[in-house]
């Protein structure tokens, strides 16, 4: 009978230890953005370069015309990003919203604007 009572707390401690060891605080993906200006309002020659600073590769990046919770439309999706830098090219001047998720689905997000050189 001692063994039965002794095993129950031991199992509980093992399960509690497993739960504690598998729980980790999510870390936000960190990145910086750089834009290349557009020559003409009607031309799609702007570029947003995303440089990953902190992320568990591979990553997935989403480009929106504005934040999704404000009715933003997903314009592009780039999956399986293995390098620390990638670009969204052939963009018209305007505001954009970027979300980057790493392999653990930790997100990072930012708003950026591509300006027109002629304005």
N, C-alpha and C. Protein backbone atom coordinates (compact mmCIF):
# COMPACT_ATOMS: atom_id res chain seq x y z
N UNK A 1 0.82 -1.19 0.00
CA UNK A 1 0.00 0.00 0.00
C UNK A 1 0.87 1.25 0.00
N UNK A 2 1.99 1.25 0.65
CA UNK A 2 2.88 2.39 0.67
C UNK A 2 3.32 2.75 -0.74
N UNK A 3 3.59 1.75 -1.56
CA UNK A 3 4.03 2.00 -2.93
C UNK A 3 2.97 2.73 -3.74
N UNK A 4 1.73 2.37 -3.60
CA UNK A 4 0.66 3.03 -4.37
C UNK A 4 0.59 4.51 -4.04
N UNK A 5 0.63 4.85 -2.75
CA UNK A 5 0.58 6.26 -2.36
C UNK A 5 1.86 6.99 -2.72
N UNK A 6 2.94 6.31 -2.67
CA UNK A 6 4.23 6.91 -2.99
C UNK A 6 4.33 7.21 -4.50
N UNK A 7 3.78 6.34 -5.35
CA UNK A 7 3.86 6.51 -6.80
C UNK A 7 2.97 7.64 -7.31
N UNK A 8 1.88 7.89 -6.66
CA UNK A 8 0.97 8.96 -7.12
C UNK A 8 1.65 10.33 -7.03
N UNK A 9 2.24 10.70 -5.89
CA UNK A 9 2.94 11.99 -5.87
C UNK A 9 4.12 12.03 -6.83
N UNK A 10 4.82 10.92 -6.98
CA UNK A 10 5.94 10.87 -7.90
C UNK A 10 5.47 11.12 -9.33
N UNK A 11 4.38 10.47 -9.73
CA UNK A 11 3.82 10.71 -11.08
C UNK A 11 3.39 12.16 -11.24
N UNK A 12 2.78 12.72 -10.21
CA UNK A 12 2.36 14.11 -10.27
C UNK A 12 3.56 15.03 -10.46
N UNK A 13 4.64 14.77 -9.72
CA UNK A 13 5.84 15.60 -9.84
C UNK A 13 6.47 15.47 -11.22
N UNK A 14 6.48 14.27 -11.75
CA UNK A 14 7.03 14.07 -13.09
C UNK A 14 6.19 14.82 -14.12
N UNK A 15 4.87 14.71 -14.04
CA UNK A 15 3.98 15.42 -14.97
C UNK A 15 4.10 16.93 -14.79
N UNK A 16 4.16 17.41 -13.55
CA UNK A 16 4.30 18.85 -13.30
C UNK A 16 5.63 19.34 -13.86
N UNK A 17 6.70 18.57 -13.66
CA UNK A 17 8.00 18.95 -14.20
C UNK A 17 7.99 18.99 -15.71
N UNK A 18 7.30 18.05 -16.34
CA UNK A 18 7.20 18.04 -17.80
C UNK A 18 6.46 19.27 -18.29
N UNK A 19 5.36 19.61 -17.62
CA UNK A 19 4.59 20.79 -18.03
C UNK A 19 5.41 22.06 -17.85
N UNK A 20 6.16 22.15 -16.79
CA UNK A 20 6.97 23.34 -16.57
C UNK A 20 8.11 23.43 -17.58
N UNK A 21 8.68 22.29 -17.94
CA UNK A 21 9.82 22.33 -18.85
C UNK A 21 9.38 22.57 -20.29
N UNK A 22 8.14 22.28 -20.64
CA UNK A 22 7.70 22.49 -22.02
C UNK A 22 7.01 23.84 -22.21
N UNK A 23 6.79 24.57 -21.13
CA UNK A 23 6.16 25.88 -21.24
C UNK A 23 7.24 26.93 -21.38
N UNK A 24 7.17 27.70 -22.46
CA UNK A 24 8.16 28.75 -22.68
C UNK A 24 7.44 30.03 -23.06
N UNK A 25 7.96 31.13 -22.61
CA UNK A 25 7.38 32.43 -22.96
C UNK A 25 7.70 32.73 -24.42
N UNK A 26 6.70 33.11 -25.17
CA UNK A 26 6.90 33.44 -26.58
C UNK A 26 7.71 34.71 -26.71
N UNK A 27 8.64 34.71 -27.65
CA UNK A 27 9.43 35.89 -27.91
C UNK A 27 9.02 36.47 -29.25
N UNK A 28 8.83 37.76 -29.27
CA UNK A 28 8.43 38.43 -30.49
C UNK A 28 9.58 38.41 -31.49
N UNK A 29 9.23 38.17 -32.74
CA UNK A 29 10.21 38.24 -33.81
C UNK A 29 10.63 39.70 -33.96
N UNK A 30 11.92 39.92 -34.11
CA UNK A 30 12.42 41.28 -34.26
C UNK A 30 13.06 41.44 -35.63
N UNK A 31 12.71 42.54 -36.31
CA UNK A 31 13.28 42.79 -37.63
C UNK A 31 13.33 44.29 -37.88
N UNK A 32 14.12 44.68 -38.88
CA UNK A 32 14.15 46.09 -39.28
C UNK A 32 13.77 46.16 -40.76
N UNK A 33 13.25 47.32 -41.14
CA UNK A 33 12.76 47.51 -42.50
C UNK A 33 13.51 48.65 -43.18
N UNK A 34 13.69 48.52 -44.48
CA UNK A 34 14.29 49.57 -45.29
C UNK A 34 13.48 49.65 -46.59
N UNK A 35 13.21 50.86 -47.04
CA UNK A 35 12.47 51.02 -48.29
C UNK A 35 13.33 51.63 -49.37
N UNK A 36 13.00 51.29 -50.58
CA UNK A 36 13.56 51.94 -51.76
C UNK A 36 12.41 52.75 -52.34
N UNK A 37 12.63 54.03 -52.55
CA UNK A 37 11.56 54.91 -53.02
C UNK A 37 11.15 54.58 -54.45
N UNK A 38 9.93 54.93 -54.75
CA UNK A 38 9.39 54.72 -56.09
C UNK A 38 9.65 55.95 -56.94
N UNK A 39 9.97 55.75 -58.23
CA UNK A 39 10.21 56.86 -59.16
C UNK A 39 8.93 57.55 -59.59
N UNK A 40 7.84 56.81 -59.60
CA UNK A 40 6.61 57.31 -60.19
C UNK A 40 5.43 56.73 -59.43
N UNK A 41 4.42 57.54 -59.20
CA UNK A 41 3.25 57.12 -58.44
C UNK A 41 2.55 55.92 -59.08
N UNK A 42 2.57 55.82 -60.39
CA UNK A 42 1.85 54.75 -61.06
C UNK A 42 2.71 53.50 -61.29
N UNK A 43 4.02 53.60 -61.08
CA UNK A 43 4.90 52.46 -61.33
C UNK A 43 5.12 51.64 -60.07
N UNK A 44 5.29 50.36 -60.27
CA UNK A 44 5.52 49.45 -59.16
C UNK A 44 7.01 49.14 -59.05
N UNK A 45 7.79 50.10 -58.62
CA UNK A 45 9.23 49.85 -58.51
C UNK A 45 9.77 50.13 -57.11
N UNK A 46 8.88 50.24 -56.12
CA UNK A 46 9.32 50.38 -54.74
C UNK A 46 9.68 49.01 -54.16
N UNK A 47 10.44 49.02 -53.08
CA UNK A 47 10.91 47.77 -52.48
C UNK A 47 10.97 47.92 -50.96
N UNK A 48 10.57 46.88 -50.24
CA UNK A 48 10.73 46.82 -48.78
C UNK A 48 11.66 45.66 -48.49
N UNK A 49 12.80 45.96 -47.87
CA UNK A 49 13.76 44.92 -47.47
C UNK A 49 13.57 44.66 -45.98
N UNK A 50 13.40 43.39 -45.62
CA UNK A 50 13.21 42.98 -44.24
C UNK A 50 14.48 42.27 -43.78
N UNK A 51 15.10 42.77 -42.72
CA UNK A 51 16.30 42.15 -42.14
C UNK A 51 15.93 41.57 -40.78
N UNK A 52 16.00 40.25 -40.66
CA UNK A 52 15.65 39.58 -39.41
C UNK A 52 16.76 39.77 -38.39
N UNK A 53 16.38 40.16 -37.18
CA UNK A 53 17.33 40.35 -36.09
C UNK A 53 17.23 39.19 -35.10
N UNK A 54 16.00 38.84 -34.73
CA UNK A 54 15.78 37.73 -33.80
C UNK A 54 14.57 36.94 -34.25
N UNK A 55 14.81 35.68 -34.63
CA UNK A 55 13.74 34.79 -35.07
C UNK A 55 14.28 33.37 -35.16
N UNK A 56 13.41 32.42 -34.95
CA UNK A 56 13.76 31.02 -35.13
C UNK A 56 13.40 30.64 -36.56
N UNK A 57 14.43 30.52 -37.40
CA UNK A 57 14.21 30.22 -38.82
C UNK A 57 13.72 28.79 -38.99
N UNK A 58 12.94 28.52 -40.03
CA UNK A 58 12.50 29.40 -41.09
C UNK A 58 11.32 30.28 -40.66
N UNK A 59 11.10 31.34 -41.42
CA UNK A 59 10.02 32.29 -41.14
C UNK A 59 9.05 32.37 -42.31
N UNK A 60 7.89 32.92 -42.02
CA UNK A 60 6.90 33.25 -43.04
C UNK A 60 6.56 34.72 -42.89
N UNK A 61 6.51 35.44 -44.00
CA UNK A 61 6.21 36.87 -43.97
C UNK A 61 4.94 37.16 -44.77
N UNK A 62 4.14 38.06 -44.25
CA UNK A 62 2.89 38.46 -44.89
C UNK A 62 2.94 39.96 -45.13
N UNK A 63 2.55 40.38 -46.31
CA UNK A 63 2.48 41.80 -46.67
C UNK A 63 1.02 42.18 -46.86
N UNK A 64 0.57 43.19 -46.13
CA UNK A 64 -0.81 43.68 -46.20
C UNK A 64 -0.82 45.14 -46.62
N UNK A 65 -1.96 45.60 -47.12
CA UNK A 65 -2.10 47.01 -47.45
C UNK A 65 -2.37 47.85 -46.19
N UNK A 66 -2.85 47.23 -45.13
CA UNK A 66 -3.00 47.84 -43.80
C UNK A 66 -3.20 46.71 -42.80
N UNK A 67 -3.25 47.02 -41.54
CA UNK A 67 -3.36 45.99 -40.50
C UNK A 67 -4.59 45.10 -40.75
N UNK A 68 -4.46 43.80 -40.58
CA UNK A 68 -5.58 42.88 -40.84
C UNK A 68 -6.83 43.20 -40.03
N UNK A 69 -6.66 43.63 -38.77
CA UNK A 69 -7.83 43.94 -37.95
C UNK A 69 -8.50 45.25 -38.35
N UNK A 70 -7.87 45.98 -39.27
CA UNK A 70 -8.49 47.20 -39.82
C UNK A 70 -9.02 46.94 -41.23
N UNK A 71 -9.19 45.66 -41.57
CA UNK A 71 -9.70 45.30 -42.89
C UNK A 71 -8.63 45.16 -43.95
N UNK A 72 -7.38 45.02 -43.53
CA UNK A 72 -6.28 44.90 -44.48
C UNK A 72 -6.38 43.66 -45.36
N UNK A 73 -5.91 43.78 -46.57
CA UNK A 73 -5.92 42.69 -47.53
C UNK A 73 -4.50 42.16 -47.67
N UNK A 74 -4.37 40.83 -47.59
CA UNK A 74 -3.05 40.22 -47.77
C UNK A 74 -2.66 40.33 -49.24
N UNK A 75 -1.54 40.99 -49.49
CA UNK A 75 -1.06 41.18 -50.86
C UNK A 75 -0.08 40.10 -51.28
N UNK A 76 0.76 39.68 -50.33
CA UNK A 76 1.78 38.66 -50.64
C UNK A 76 2.08 37.84 -49.39
N UNK A 77 2.61 36.65 -49.66
CA UNK A 77 3.05 35.76 -48.58
C UNK A 77 4.34 35.10 -49.05
N UNK A 78 5.38 35.16 -48.23
CA UNK A 78 6.66 34.52 -48.53
C UNK A 78 6.92 33.49 -47.45
N UNK A 79 7.04 32.23 -47.85
CA UNK A 79 7.23 31.14 -46.90
C UNK A 79 8.65 30.60 -46.93
N UNK A 80 8.98 29.87 -45.87
CA UNK A 80 10.24 29.15 -45.76
C UNK A 80 11.46 30.06 -45.94
N UNK A 81 11.43 31.20 -45.28
CA UNK A 81 12.55 32.15 -45.34
C UNK A 81 13.69 31.59 -44.49
N UNK A 82 14.81 31.28 -45.11
CA UNK A 82 15.93 30.66 -44.43
C UNK A 82 17.06 31.64 -44.13
N UNK A 83 17.10 32.76 -44.84
CA UNK A 83 18.18 33.74 -44.66
C UNK A 83 17.71 34.87 -43.75
N UNK A 84 18.65 35.70 -43.36
CA UNK A 84 18.35 36.81 -42.47
C UNK A 84 17.78 38.04 -43.16
N UNK A 85 17.69 38.01 -44.50
CA UNK A 85 17.18 39.17 -45.23
C UNK A 85 16.40 38.72 -46.46
N UNK A 86 15.29 39.41 -46.72
CA UNK A 86 14.49 39.15 -47.91
C UNK A 86 13.77 40.43 -48.29
N UNK A 87 13.14 40.46 -49.46
CA UNK A 87 12.51 41.71 -49.93
C UNK A 87 11.16 41.45 -50.57
N UNK A 88 10.29 42.44 -50.41
CA UNK A 88 9.05 42.53 -51.18
C UNK A 88 9.32 43.58 -52.25
N UNK A 89 9.28 43.17 -53.51
CA UNK A 89 9.63 44.06 -54.61
C UNK A 89 8.42 44.41 -55.45
N UNK A 90 8.65 45.37 -56.37
CA UNK A 90 7.62 45.84 -57.31
C UNK A 90 6.37 46.33 -56.58
N UNK A 91 6.59 47.25 -55.64
CA UNK A 91 5.49 47.83 -54.86
C UNK A 91 5.25 49.28 -55.29
N UNK A 92 3.98 49.66 -55.29
CA UNK A 92 3.63 51.05 -55.58
C UNK A 92 3.77 51.87 -54.30
N UNK A 93 3.90 53.20 -54.41
CA UNK A 93 3.97 54.05 -53.21
C UNK A 93 2.71 53.87 -52.36
N UNK A 94 2.88 53.93 -51.07
CA UNK A 94 1.75 53.79 -50.15
C UNK A 94 2.17 53.16 -48.84
N UNK A 95 1.19 52.92 -47.99
CA UNK A 95 1.41 52.32 -46.68
C UNK A 95 1.27 50.81 -46.78
N UNK A 96 2.10 50.11 -46.00
CA UNK A 96 2.08 48.65 -45.96
C UNK A 96 2.21 48.18 -44.52
N UNK A 97 1.72 46.98 -44.26
CA UNK A 97 1.80 46.36 -42.94
C UNK A 97 2.43 44.99 -43.13
N UNK A 98 3.46 44.69 -42.37
CA UNK A 98 4.19 43.44 -42.51
C UNK A 98 4.11 42.64 -41.22
N UNK A 99 3.80 41.36 -41.35
CA UNK A 99 3.84 40.43 -40.22
C UNK A 99 4.85 39.35 -40.57
N UNK A 100 5.75 39.07 -39.63
CA UNK A 100 6.72 37.98 -39.80
C UNK A 100 6.51 37.00 -38.65
N UNK A 101 6.32 35.73 -38.99
CA UNK A 101 6.18 34.67 -37.99
C UNK A 101 7.35 33.70 -38.14
N UNK A 102 7.93 33.31 -36.99
CA UNK A 102 9.01 32.33 -37.07
C UNK A 102 8.44 30.92 -36.99
N UNK A 103 9.30 29.93 -36.96
CA UNK A 103 8.85 28.53 -37.00
C UNK A 103 8.00 28.16 -35.79
N UNK A 104 8.16 28.89 -34.68
CA UNK A 104 7.37 28.66 -33.48
C UNK A 104 6.10 29.51 -33.47
N UNK A 105 5.82 30.18 -34.58
CA UNK A 105 4.66 31.05 -34.77
C UNK A 105 4.69 32.28 -33.87
N UNK A 106 5.88 32.68 -33.43
CA UNK A 106 6.04 33.95 -32.71
C UNK A 106 5.97 35.06 -33.75
N UNK A 107 5.13 36.08 -33.52
CA UNK A 107 4.96 37.12 -34.53
C UNK A 107 5.79 38.38 -34.26
N UNK A 108 5.98 39.13 -35.29
CA UNK A 108 6.52 40.49 -35.22
C UNK A 108 5.78 41.26 -36.30
N UNK A 109 5.51 42.53 -36.09
CA UNK A 109 4.73 43.29 -37.06
C UNK A 109 5.19 44.75 -37.08
N UNK A 110 5.01 45.38 -38.24
CA UNK A 110 5.38 46.79 -38.39
C UNK A 110 4.64 47.40 -39.57
N UNK A 111 4.45 48.70 -39.48
CA UNK A 111 3.87 49.49 -40.57
C UNK A 111 5.00 50.26 -41.23
N UNK A 112 4.94 50.38 -42.55
CA UNK A 112 5.97 51.12 -43.28
C UNK A 112 5.34 51.79 -44.49
N UNK A 113 5.95 52.87 -44.93
CA UNK A 113 5.45 53.63 -46.08
C UNK A 113 6.52 53.70 -47.16
N UNK A 114 6.10 53.49 -48.40
CA UNK A 114 6.97 53.72 -49.55
C UNK A 114 6.54 55.06 -50.14
N UNK A 115 7.47 56.01 -50.16
CA UNK A 115 7.18 57.34 -50.69
C UNK A 115 7.53 57.42 -52.17
N UNK A 116 6.94 58.42 -52.80
CA UNK A 116 7.20 58.71 -54.19
C UNK A 116 8.28 59.79 -54.26
N UNK A 117 9.31 59.58 -55.05
CA UNK A 117 10.39 60.56 -55.18
C UNK A 117 9.91 61.91 -55.70
N UNK A 118 8.85 61.92 -56.46
CA UNK A 118 8.37 63.16 -57.11
C UNK A 118 7.45 63.97 -56.22
N UNK A 119 7.09 63.48 -55.05
CA UNK A 119 6.19 64.25 -54.18
C UNK A 119 6.93 65.30 -53.40
